[in-house]
């Protein structure tokens, strides 16, 4: 006699079911769930990879930082008189 339904689901908890049948049912039930989870995880990983390739890429941010610091120092040295005058003017206005 072939088992067609799980006895527990049919309201017959005292009837022992076939382990292989239960395993096959569980595999079938979880197959679509596993495929969905795999699809969601794959999409999430692709989104993370795209973000790391874009403006949030730490290498693209950190790579030119030494050049930017050098340029800022050069700019400050070249414009030190104007910067000092603006700072002095602002501080005099605040303390007046």
PDB file of N, CA and C in Angstrom:
ATOM      1  N   UNK A   1       0.848  -1.178   0.000  1.00  0.00           N
ATOM      2  CA  UNK A   1       0.000   0.000   0.000  1.00  0.00           C
ATOM      3  C   UNK A   1       0.888   1.233   0.000  1.00  0.00           C
ATOM      4  N   UNK A   2       0.651   2.118  -0.919  1.00  0.00           N
ATOM      5  CA  UNK A   2       1.451   3.328  -1.054  1.00  0.00           C
ATOM      6  C   UNK A   2       0.857   4.442  -0.185  1.00  0.00           C
ATOM      7  N   UNK A   3       1.724   5.111   0.547  1.00  0.00           N
ATOM      8  CA  UNK A   3       1.276   6.197   1.401  1.00  0.00           C
ATOM      9  C   UNK A   3       1.111   7.452   0.549  1.00  0.00           C
ATOM     10  N   UNK A   4      -0.038   8.097   0.652  1.00  0.00           N
ATOM     11  CA  UNK A   4      -0.300   9.287  -0.149  1.00  0.00           C
ATOM     12  C   UNK A   4      -0.267  10.565   0.673  1.00  0.00           C
ATOM     13  N   UNK A   5      -0.516  10.475   1.959  1.00  0.00           N
ATOM     14  CA  UNK A   5      -0.547  11.654   2.813  1.00  0.00           C
ATOM     15  C   UNK A   5       0.212  11.372   4.101  1.00  0.00           C
ATOM     16  N   UNK A   6       0.707  12.403   4.701  1.00  0.00           N
ATOM     17  CA  UNK A   6       1.375  12.283   5.990  1.00  0.00           C
ATOM     18  C   UNK A   6       0.307  12.016   7.051  1.00  0.00           C
ATOM     19  N   UNK A   7       0.455  10.955   7.864  1.00  0.00           N
ATOM     20  CA  UNK A   7      -0.566  10.645   8.860  1.00  0.00           C
ATOM     21  C   UNK A   7      -0.718  11.759   9.897  1.00  0.00           C
ATOM     22  N   UNK A   8       0.356  12.435  10.238  1.00  0.00           N
ATOM     23  CA  UNK A   8       0.264  13.515  11.223  1.00  0.00           C
ATOM     24  C   UNK A   8      -0.596  14.655  10.681  1.00  0.00           C
ATOM     25  N   UNK A   9      -0.407  14.984   9.396  1.00  0.00           N
ATOM     26  CA  UNK A   9      -1.194  16.049   8.773  1.00  0.00           C
ATOM     27  C   UNK A   9      -2.659  15.645   8.617  1.00  0.00           C
ATOM     28  N   UNK A  10      -2.945  14.358   8.519  1.00  0.00           N
ATOM     29  CA  UNK A  10      -4.312  13.863   8.380  1.00  0.00           C
ATOM     30  C   UNK A  10      -4.999  13.718   9.726  1.00  0.00           C
ATOM     31  N   UNK A  11      -4.297  14.043  10.814  1.00  0.00           N
ATOM     32  CA  UNK A  11      -4.896  13.942  12.135  1.00  0.00           C
ATOM     33  C   UNK A  11      -4.779  12.562  12.750  1.00  0.00           C
ATOM     34  N   UNK A  12      -3.823  11.795  12.294  1.00  0.00           N
ATOM     35  CA  UNK A  12      -3.598  10.449  12.829  1.00  0.00           C
ATOM     36  C   UNK A  12      -2.178  10.348  13.387  1.00  0.00           C
ATOM     37  N   UNK A  13      -1.904  11.025  14.495  1.00  0.00           N
ATOM     38  CA  UNK A  13      -0.533  11.070  15.008  1.00  0.00           C
ATOM     39  C   UNK A  13      -0.012   9.728  15.507  1.00  0.00           C
ATOM     40  N   UNK A  14      -0.894   8.771  15.772  1.00  0.00           N
ATOM     41  CA  UNK A  14      -0.427   7.474  16.279  1.00  0.00           C
ATOM     42  C   UNK A  14       0.047   6.550  15.164  1.00  0.00           C
ATOM     43  N   UNK A  15      -0.333   6.832  13.921  1.00  0.00           N
ATOM     44  CA  UNK A  15       0.093   6.008  12.795  1.00  0.00           C
ATOM     45  C   UNK A  15       1.500   6.426  12.404  1.00  0.00           C
ATOM     46  N   UNK A  16       2.397   5.460  12.384  1.00  0.00           N
ATOM     47  CA  UNK A  16       3.792   5.754  12.049  1.00  0.00           C
ATOM     48  C   UNK A  16       3.938   5.894  10.534  1.00  0.00           C
ATOM     49  N   UNK A  17       4.602   6.956  10.124  1.00  0.00           N
ATOM     50  CA  UNK A  17       4.798   7.194   8.694  1.00  0.00           C
ATOM     51  C   UNK A  17       6.140   6.634   8.247  1.00  0.00           C
ATOM     52  N   UNK A  18       6.282   6.534   6.968  1.00  0.00           N
ATOM     53  CA  UNK A  18       7.517   6.041   6.361  1.00  0.00           C
ATOM     54  C   UNK A  18       8.539   7.176   6.355  1.00  0.00           C
ATOM     55  N   UNK A  19       9.725   6.920   6.876  1.00  0.00           N
ATOM     56  CA  UNK A  19      10.758   7.960   6.946  1.00  0.00           C
ATOM     57  C   UNK A  19      11.149   8.470   5.564  1.00  0.00           C
ATOM     58  N   UNK A  20      11.289   7.571   4.605  1.00  0.00           N
ATOM     59  CA  UNK A  20      11.665   7.989   3.257  1.00  0.00           C
ATOM     60  C   UNK A  20      10.606   8.889   2.640  1.00  0.00           C
ATOM     61  N   UNK A  21       9.342   8.563   2.877  1.00  0.00           N
ATOM     62  CA  UNK A  21       8.266   9.400   2.348  1.00  0.00           C
ATOM     63  C   UNK A  21       8.350  10.804   2.948  1.00  0.00           C
ATOM     64  N   UNK A  22       8.516  10.858   4.257  1.00  0.00           N
ATOM     65  CA  UNK A  22       8.616  12.167   4.924  1.00  0.00           C
ATOM     66  C   UNK A  22       9.807  12.973   4.401  1.00  0.00           C
ATOM     67  N   UNK A  23      10.932  12.311   4.224  1.00  0.00           N
ATOM     68  CA  UNK A  23      12.113  13.010   3.709  1.00  0.00           C
ATOM     69  C   UNK A  23      11.875  13.544   2.299  1.00  0.00           C
ATOM     70  N   UNK A  24      11.252  12.745   1.450  1.00  0.00           N
ATOM     71  CA  UNK A  24      10.965  13.196   0.088  1.00  0.00           C
ATOM     72  C   UNK A  24       9.991  14.364   0.080  1.00  0.00           C
ATOM     73  N   UNK A  25       8.980  14.315   0.953  1.00  0.00           N
ATOM     74  CA  UNK A  25       8.024  15.429   1.038  1.00  0.00           C
ATOM     75  C   UNK A  25       8.741  16.688   1.494  1.00  0.00           C
ATOM     76  N   UNK A  26       9.592  16.552   2.517  1.00  0.00           N
ATOM     77  CA  UNK A  26      10.321  17.722   3.025  1.00  0.00           C
ATOM     78  C   UNK A  26      11.262  18.295   1.969  1.00  0.00           C
ATOM     79  N   UNK A  27      11.926  17.411   1.225  1.00  0.00           N
ATOM     80  CA  UNK A  27      12.809  17.900   0.160  1.00  0.00           C
ATOM     81  C   UNK A  27      12.019  18.660  -0.886  1.00  0.00           C
ATOM     82  N   UNK A  28      10.866  18.139  -1.249  1.00  0.00           N
ATOM     83  CA  UNK A  28      10.020  18.817  -2.236  1.00  0.00           C
ATOM     84  C   UNK A  28       9.515  20.152  -1.733  1.00  0.00           C
ATOM     85  N   UNK A  29       9.140  20.210  -0.448  1.00  0.00           N
ATOM     86  CA  UNK A  29       8.622  21.457   0.129  1.00  0.00           C
ATOM     87  C   UNK A  29       9.705  22.522   0.223  1.00  0.00           C
ATOM     88  N   UNK A  30      10.901  22.094   0.551  1.00  0.00           N
ATOM     89  CA  UNK A  30      11.971  23.072   0.755  1.00  0.00           C
ATOM     90  C   UNK A  30      12.728  23.414  -0.518  1.00  0.00           C
ATOM     91  N   UNK A  31      12.488  22.678  -1.595  1.00  0.00           N
ATOM     92  CA  UNK A  31      13.214  22.936  -2.832  1.00  0.00           C
ATOM     93  C   UNK A  31      12.952  24.346  -3.349  1.00  0.00           C
ATOM     94  N   UNK A  32      11.698  24.724  -3.420  1.00  0.00           N
ATOM     95  CA  UNK A  32      11.394  26.067  -3.929  1.00  0.00           C
ATOM     96  C   UNK A  32      11.901  27.128  -2.967  1.00  0.00           C
ATOM     97  N   UNK A  33      11.838  26.845  -1.666  1.00  0.00           N
ATOM     98  CA  UNK A  33      12.348  27.792  -0.678  1.00  0.00           C
ATOM     99  C   UNK A  33      13.854  27.964  -0.820  1.00  0.00           C
ATOM    100  N   UNK A  34      14.563  26.848  -1.017  1.00  0.00           N
ATOM    101  CA  UNK A  34      16.022  26.931  -1.196  1.00  0.00           C
ATOM    102  C   UNK A  34      16.376  27.708  -2.460  1.00  0.00           C
ATOM    103  N   UNK A  35      15.626  27.485  -3.532  1.00  0.00           N
ATOM    104  CA  UNK A  35      15.881  28.217  -4.777  1.00  0.00           C
ATOM    105  C   UNK A  35      15.622  29.698  -4.587  1.00  0.00           C
ATOM    106  N   UNK A  36      14.557  30.042  -3.847  1.00  0.00           N
ATOM    107  CA  UNK A  36      14.230  31.449  -3.599  1.00  0.00           C
ATOM    108  C   UNK A  36      15.321  32.106  -2.756  1.00  0.00           C
ATOM    109  N   UNK A  37      15.772  31.416  -1.700  1.00  0.00           N
ATOM    110  CA  UNK A  37      16.832  31.963  -0.846  1.00  0.00           C
ATOM    111  C   UNK A  37      18.115  32.160  -1.650  1.00  0.00           C
ATOM    112  N   UNK A  38      18.463  31.186  -2.470  1.00  0.00           N
ATOM    113  CA  UNK A  38      19.657  31.299  -3.303  1.00  0.00           C
ATOM    114  C   UNK A  38      19.547  32.486  -4.252  1.00  0.00           C
ATOM    115  N   UNK A  39      18.373  32.685  -4.827  1.00  0.00           N
ATOM    116  CA  UNK A  39      18.147  33.807  -5.736  1.00  0.00           C
ATOM    117  C   UNK A  39      18.288  35.137  -5.002  1.00  0.00           C
ATOM    118  N   UNK A  40      17.689  35.237  -3.812  1.00  0.00           N
ATOM    119  CA  UNK A  40      17.766  36.470  -3.021  1.00  0.00           C
ATOM    120  C   UNK A  40      19.208  36.753  -2.611  1.00  0.00           C
ATOM    121  N   UNK A  41      19.925  35.726  -2.160  1.00  0.00           N
ATOM    122  CA  UNK A  41      21.318  35.917  -1.757  1.00  0.00           C
ATOM    123  C   UNK A  41      22.196  36.328  -2.937  1.00  0.00           C
ATOM    124  N   UNK A  42      21.946  35.728  -4.085  1.00  0.00           N
ATOM    125  CA  UNK A  42      22.715  36.077  -5.275  1.00  0.00           C
ATOM    126  C   UNK A  42      22.468  37.530  -5.659  1.00  0.00           C
ATOM    127  N   UNK A  43      21.210  37.948  -5.641  1.00  0.00           N
ATOM    128  CA  UNK A  43      20.889  39.345  -5.948  1.00  0.00           C
ATOM    129  C   UNK A  43      21.536  40.298  -4.955  1.00  0.00           C
ATOM    130  N   UNK A  44      21.512  39.932  -3.673  1.00  0.00           N
ATOM    131  CA  UNK A  44      22.118  40.779  -2.650  1.00  0.00           C
ATOM    132  C   UNK A  44      23.624  40.896  -2.851  1.00  0.00           C
ATOM    133  N   UNK A  45      24.274  39.792  -3.178  1.00  0.00           N
ATOM    134  CA  UNK A  45      25.724  39.829  -3.403  1.00  0.00           C
ATOM    135  C   UNK A  45      26.070  40.657  -4.636  1.00  0.00           C
ATOM    136  N   UNK A  46      25.242  40.576  -5.668  1.00  0.00           N
ATOM    137  CA  UNK A  46      25.481  41.392  -6.861  1.00  0.00           C
ATOM    138  C   UNK A  46      25.326  42.876  -6.537  1.00  0.00           C
ATOM    139  N   UNK A  47      24.349  43.219  -5.698  1.00  0.00           N
ATOM    140  CA  UNK A  47      24.179  44.618  -5.297  1.00  0.00           C
ATOM    141  C   UNK A  47      25.389  45.110  -4.505  1.00  0.00           C
ATOM    142  N   UNK A  48      25.892  44.264  -3.616  1.00  0.00           N
ATOM    143  CA  UNK A  48      27.087  44.642  -2.842  1.00  0.00           C
ATOM    144  C   UNK A  48      28.275  44.844  -3.778  1.00  0.00           C
ATOM    145  N   UNK A  49      28.440  43.955  -4.741  1.00  0.00           N
ATOM    146  CA  UNK A  49      29.549  44.071  -5.691  1.00  0.00           C
ATOM    147  C   UNK A  49      29.434  45.356  -6.510  1.00  0.00           C
ATOM    148  N   UNK A  50      28.219  45.706  -6.929  1.00  0.00           N
ATOM    149  CA  UNK A  50      28.023  46.948  -7.687  1.00  0.00           C
ATOM    150  C   UNK A  50      28.354  48.167  -6.841  1.00  0.00           C
ATOM    151  N   UNK A  51      27.973  48.131  -5.546  1.00  0.00           N
ATOM    152  CA  UNK A  51      28.266  49.267  -4.665  1.00  0.00           C
ATOM    153  C   UNK A  51      29.766  49.423  -4.465  1.00  0.00           C
ATOM    154  N   UNK A  52      30.473  48.306  -4.369  1.00  0.00           N
ATOM    155  CA  UNK A  52      31.920  48.374  -4.166  1.00  0.00           C
ATOM    156  C   UNK A  52      32.654  48.832  -5.416  1.00  0.00           C
ATOM    157  N   UNK A  53      32.026  48.698  -6.577  1.00  0.00           N
ATOM    158  CA  UNK A  53      32.654  49.170  -7.804  1.00  0.00           C
ATOM    159  C   UNK A  53      32.389  50.652  -8.032  1.00  0.00           C
ATOM    160  N   UNK A  54      31.392  51.191  -7.387  1.00  0.00           N
ATOM    161  CA  UNK A  54      30.995  52.582  -7.603  1.00  0.00           C
ATOM    162  C   UNK A  54      31.725  53.544  -6.683  1.00  0.00           C
ATOM    163  N   UNK A  55      31.054  54.619  -6.282  1.00  0.00           N
ATOM    164  CA  UNK A  55      31.685  55.661  -5.471  1.00  0.00           C
ATOM    165  C   UNK A  55      32.022  55.215  -4.050  1.00  0.00           C
ATOM    166  N   UNK A  56      31.531  54.044  -3.616  1.00  0.00           N
ATOM    167  CA  UNK A  56      31.817  53.576  -2.270  1.00  0.00           C
ATOM    168  C   UNK A  56      33.040  52.670  -2.225  1.00  0.00           C
ATOM    169  N   UNK A  57      33.730  52.550  -3.340  1.00  0.00           N
ATOM    170  CA  UNK A  57      34.920  51.713  -3.413  1.00  0.00           C
ATOM    171  C   UNK A  57      36.021  52.367  -2.591  1.00  0.00           C
ATOM    172  N   UNK A  58      36.481  51.700  -1.554  1.00  0.00           N
ATOM    173  CA  UNK A  58      37.478  52.271  -0.648  1.00  0.00           C
ATOM    174  C   UNK A  58      38.795  52.551  -1.358  1.00  0.00           C
ATOM    175  N   UNK A  59      39.146  51.735  -2.330  1.00  0.00           N
ATOM    176  CA  UNK A  59      40.393  51.971  -3.048  1.00  0.00           C
ATOM    177  C   UNK A  59      40.323  53.255  -3.860  1.00  0.00           C
ATOM    178  N   UNK A  60      39.187  53.511  -4.506  1.00  0.00           N
ATOM    179  CA  UNK A  60      39.079  54.732  -5.306  1.00  0.00           C
ATOM    180  C   UNK A  60      39.035  55.979  -4.426  1.00  0.00           C
ATOM    181  N   UNK A  61      38.601  55.809  -3.176  1.00  0.00           N
ATOM    182  CA  UNK A  61      38.565  56.946  -2.247  1.00  0.00           C
ATOM    183  C   UNK A  61      39.937  57.173  -1.630  1.00  0.00           C
ATOM    184  N   UNK A  62      40.599  56.103  -1.214  1.00  0.00           N
ATOM    185  CA  UNK A  62      41.863  56.230  -0.492  1.00  0.00           C
ATOM    186  C   UNK A  62      43.080  56.413  -1.393  1.00  0.00           C
ATOM    187  N   UNK A  63      43.002  55.925  -2.621  1.00  0.00           N
ATOM    188  CA  UNK A  63      44.161  55.977  -3.508  1.00  0.00           C
ATOM    189  C   UNK A  63      44.666  57.406  -3.730  1.00  0.00           C
ATOM    190  N   UNK A  64      43.811  58.373  -4.063  1.00  0.00           N
ATOM    191  CA  UNK A  64      44.328  59.714  -4.326  1.00  0.00           C
ATOM    192  C   UNK A  64      44.433  60.594  -3.088  1.00  0.00           C
ATOM    193  N   UNK A  65      44.285  60.041  -1.886  1.00  0.00           N
ATOM    194  CA  UNK A  65      44.257  60.896  -0.699  1.00  0.00           C
ATOM    195  C   UNK A  65      45.595  61.586  -0.449  1.00  0.00           C
ATOM    196  N   UNK A  66      46.700  60.924  -0.735  1.00  0.00           N
ATOM    197  CA  UNK A  66      48.001  61.568  -0.514  1.00  0.00           C
ATOM    198  C   UNK A  66      48.173  62.767  -1.446  1.00  0.00           C
ATOM    199  N   UNK A  67      47.669  62.645  -2.678  1.00  0.00           N
ATOM    200  CA  UNK A  67      47.740  63.756  -3.629  1.00  0.00           C
ATOM    201  C   UNK A  67      46.842  64.894  -3.162  1.00  0.00           C
ATOM    202  N   UNK A  68      45.667  64.568  -2.645  1.00  0.00           N
ATOM    203  CA  UNK A  68      44.740  65.610  -2.191  1.00  0.00           C
ATOM    204  C   UNK A  68      45.296  66.348  -0.970  1.00  0.00           C
ATOM    205  N   UNK A  69      45.925  65.621  -0.067  1.00  0.00           N
ATOM    206  CA  UNK A  69      46.542  66.274   1.098  1.00  0.00           C
ATOM    207  C   UNK A  69      47.672  67.192   0.649  1.00  0.00           C
ATOM    208  N   UNK A  70      48.483  66.721  -0.278  1.00  0.00           N
ATOM    209  CA  UNK A  70      49.577  67.540  -0.797  1.00  0.00           C
ATOM    210  C   UNK A  70      49.057  68.803  -1.471  1.00  0.00           C
ATOM    211  N   UNK A  71      48.003  68.653  -2.283  1.00  0.00           N
ATOM    212  CA  UNK A  71      47.413  69.815  -2.945  1.00  0.00           C
ATOM    213  C   UNK A  71      46.843  70.804  -1.940  1.00  0.00           C
ATOM    214  N   UNK A  72      46.220  70.296  -0.863  1.00  0.00           N
ATOM    215  CA  UNK A  72      45.660  71.180   0.162  1.00  0.00           C
ATOM    216  C   UNK A  72      46.761  71.968   0.864  1.00  0.00           C
ATOM    217  N   UNK A  73      47.879  71.307   1.146  1.00  0.00           N
ATOM    218  CA  UNK A  73      49.008  71.998   1.791  1.00  0.00           C
ATOM    219  C   UNK A  73      49.591  73.047   0.859  1.00  0.00           C
ATOM    220  N   UNK A  74      49.734  72.706  -0.411  1.00  0.00           N
ATOM    221  CA  UNK A  74      50.266  73.668  -1.391  1.00  0.00           C
ATOM    222  C   UNK A  74      49.324  74.864  -1.528  1.00  0.00           C
ATOM    223  N   UNK A  75      48.029  74.588  -1.578  1.00  0.00           N
ATOM    224  CA  UNK A  75      47.040  75.656  -1.687  1.00  0.00           C
ATOM    225  C   UNK A  75      47.104  76.574  -0.471  1.00  0.00           C
ATOM    226  N   UNK A  76      47.249  75.980   0.718  1.00  0.00           N
ATOM    227  CA  UNK A  76      47.350  76.776   1.946  1.00  0.00           C
ATOM    228  C   UNK A  76      48.617  77.641   1.924  1.00  0.00           C
ATOM    229  N   UNK A  77      49.725  77.071   1.459  1.00  0.00           N
ATOM    230  CA  UNK A  77      50.977  77.829   1.410  1.00  0.00           C
ATOM    231  C   UNK A  77      50.886  78.974   0.401  1.00  0.00           C
ATOM    232  N   UNK A  78      50.264  78.686  -0.739  1.00  0.00           N
ATOM    233  CA  UNK A  78      50.151  79.723  -1.771  1.00  0.00           C
ATOM    234  C   UNK A  78      49.214  80.845  -1.348  1.00  0.00           C
ATOM    235  N   UNK A  79      48.191  80.538  -0.601  1.00  0.00           N
ATOM    236  CA  UNK A  79      47.187  81.532  -0.217  1.00  0.00           C
ATOM    237  C   UNK A  79      47.234  81.862   1.266  1.00  0.00           C
ATOM    238  N   UNK A  80      48.381  81.686   1.887  1.00  0.00           N
ATOM    239  CA  UNK A  80      48.473  81.862   3.339  1.00  0.00           C
ATOM    240  C   UNK A  80      48.149  83.293   3.776  1.00  0.00           C
ATOM    241  N   UNK A  81      48.524  84.275   2.980  1.00  0.00           N
ATOM    242  CA  UNK A  81      48.254  85.677   3.363  1.00  0.00           C
ATOM    243  C   UNK A  81      46.744  85.954   3.374  1.00  0.00           C
ATOM    244  N   UNK A  82      46.051  85.503   2.306  1.00  0.00           N
ATOM    245  CA  UNK A  82      44.607  85.733   2.237  1.00  0.00           C
ATOM    246  C   UNK A  82      43.863  84.964   3.333  1.00  0.00           C
ATOM    247  N   UNK A  83      44.289  83.718   3.585  1.00  0.00           N
ATOM    248  CA  UNK A  83      43.631  82.901   4.612  1.00  0.00           C
ATOM    249  C   UNK A  83      43.843  83.529   5.985  1.00  0.00           C
ATOM    250  N   UNK A  84      45.073  83.966   6.255  1.00  0.00           N
ATOM    251  CA  UNK A  84      45.371  84.593   7.553  1.00  0.00           C
ATOM    252  C   UNK A  84      44.561  85.866   7.737  1.00  0.00           C
ATOM    253  N   UNK A  85      44.433  86.651   6.680  1.00  0.00           N
ATOM    254  CA  UNK A  85      43.664  87.894   6.774  1.00  0.00           C
ATOM    255  C   UNK A  85      42.181  87.601   7.041  1.00  0.00           C
ATOM    256  N   UNK A  86      41.628  86.594   6.375  1.00  0.00           N
ATOM    257  CA  UNK A  86      40.216  86.242   6.590  1.00  0.00           C
ATOM    258  C   UNK A  86      39.984  85.739   8.010  1.00  0.00           C
ATOM    259  N   UNK A  87      40.914  84.904   8.497  1.00  0.00           N
ATOM    260  CA  UNK A  87      40.772  84.382   9.858  1.00  0.00           C
ATOM    261  C   UNK A  87      40.866  85.516  10.867  1.00  0.00           C
ATOM    262  N   UNK A  88      41.819  86.408  10.679  1.00  0.00           N
ATOM    263  CA  UNK A  88      41.992  87.541  11.595  1.00  0.00           C
ATOM    264  C   UNK A  88      40.757  88.436  11.555  1.00  0.00           C
ATOM    265  N   UNK A  89      40.249  88.717  10.386  1.00  0.00           N
ATOM    266  CA  UNK A  89      39.068  89.562  10.234  1.00  0.00           C
ATOM    267  C   UNK A  89      37.852  88.947  10.933  1.00  0.00           C
ATOM    268  N   UNK A  90      37.647  87.663  10.705  1.00  0.00           N
ATOM    269  CA  UNK A  90      36.495  86.974  11.320  1.00  0.00           C
ATOM    270  C   UNK A  90      36.639  86.953  12.837  1.00  0.00           C
ATOM    271  N   UNK A  91      37.858  86.705  13.336  1.00  0.00           N
ATOM    272  CA  UNK A  91      38.029  86.634  14.791  1.00  0.00           C
ATOM    273  C   UNK A  91      37.842  88.005  15.434  1.00  0.00           C
ATOM    274  N   UNK A  92      38.239  89.051  14.718  1.00  0.00           N
ATOM    275  CA  UNK A  92      38.018  90.414  15.245  1.00  0.00           C
ATOM    276  C   UNK A  92      36.519  90.747  15.276  1.00  0.00           C
ATOM    277  N   UNK A  93      35.786  90.293  14.257  1.00  0.00           N
ATOM    278  CA  UNK A  93      34.344  90.546  14.233  1.00  0.00           C
ATOM    279  C   UNK A  93      33.617  89.786  15.337  1.00  0.00           C
ATOM    280  N   UNK A  94      34.087  88.584  15.627  1.00  0.00           N
ATOM    281  CA  UNK A  94      33.444  87.779  16.667  1.00  0.00           C
ATOM    282  C   UNK A  94      33.717  88.365  18.046  1.00  0.00           C
ATOM    283  N   UNK A  95      34.938  88.848  18.284  1.00  0.00           N
ATOM    284  CA  UNK A  95      35.316  89.353  19.596  1.00  0.00           C
ATOM    285  C   UNK A  95      34.970  90.808  19.808  1.00  0.00           C
ATOM    286  N   UNK A  96      34.372  91.473  18.830  1.00  0.00           N
ATOM    287  CA  UNK A  96      34.038  92.891  19.021  1.00  0.00           C
ATOM    288  C   UNK A  96      32.747  93.074  19.766  1.00  0.00           C
TER     289      UNK A  96
END
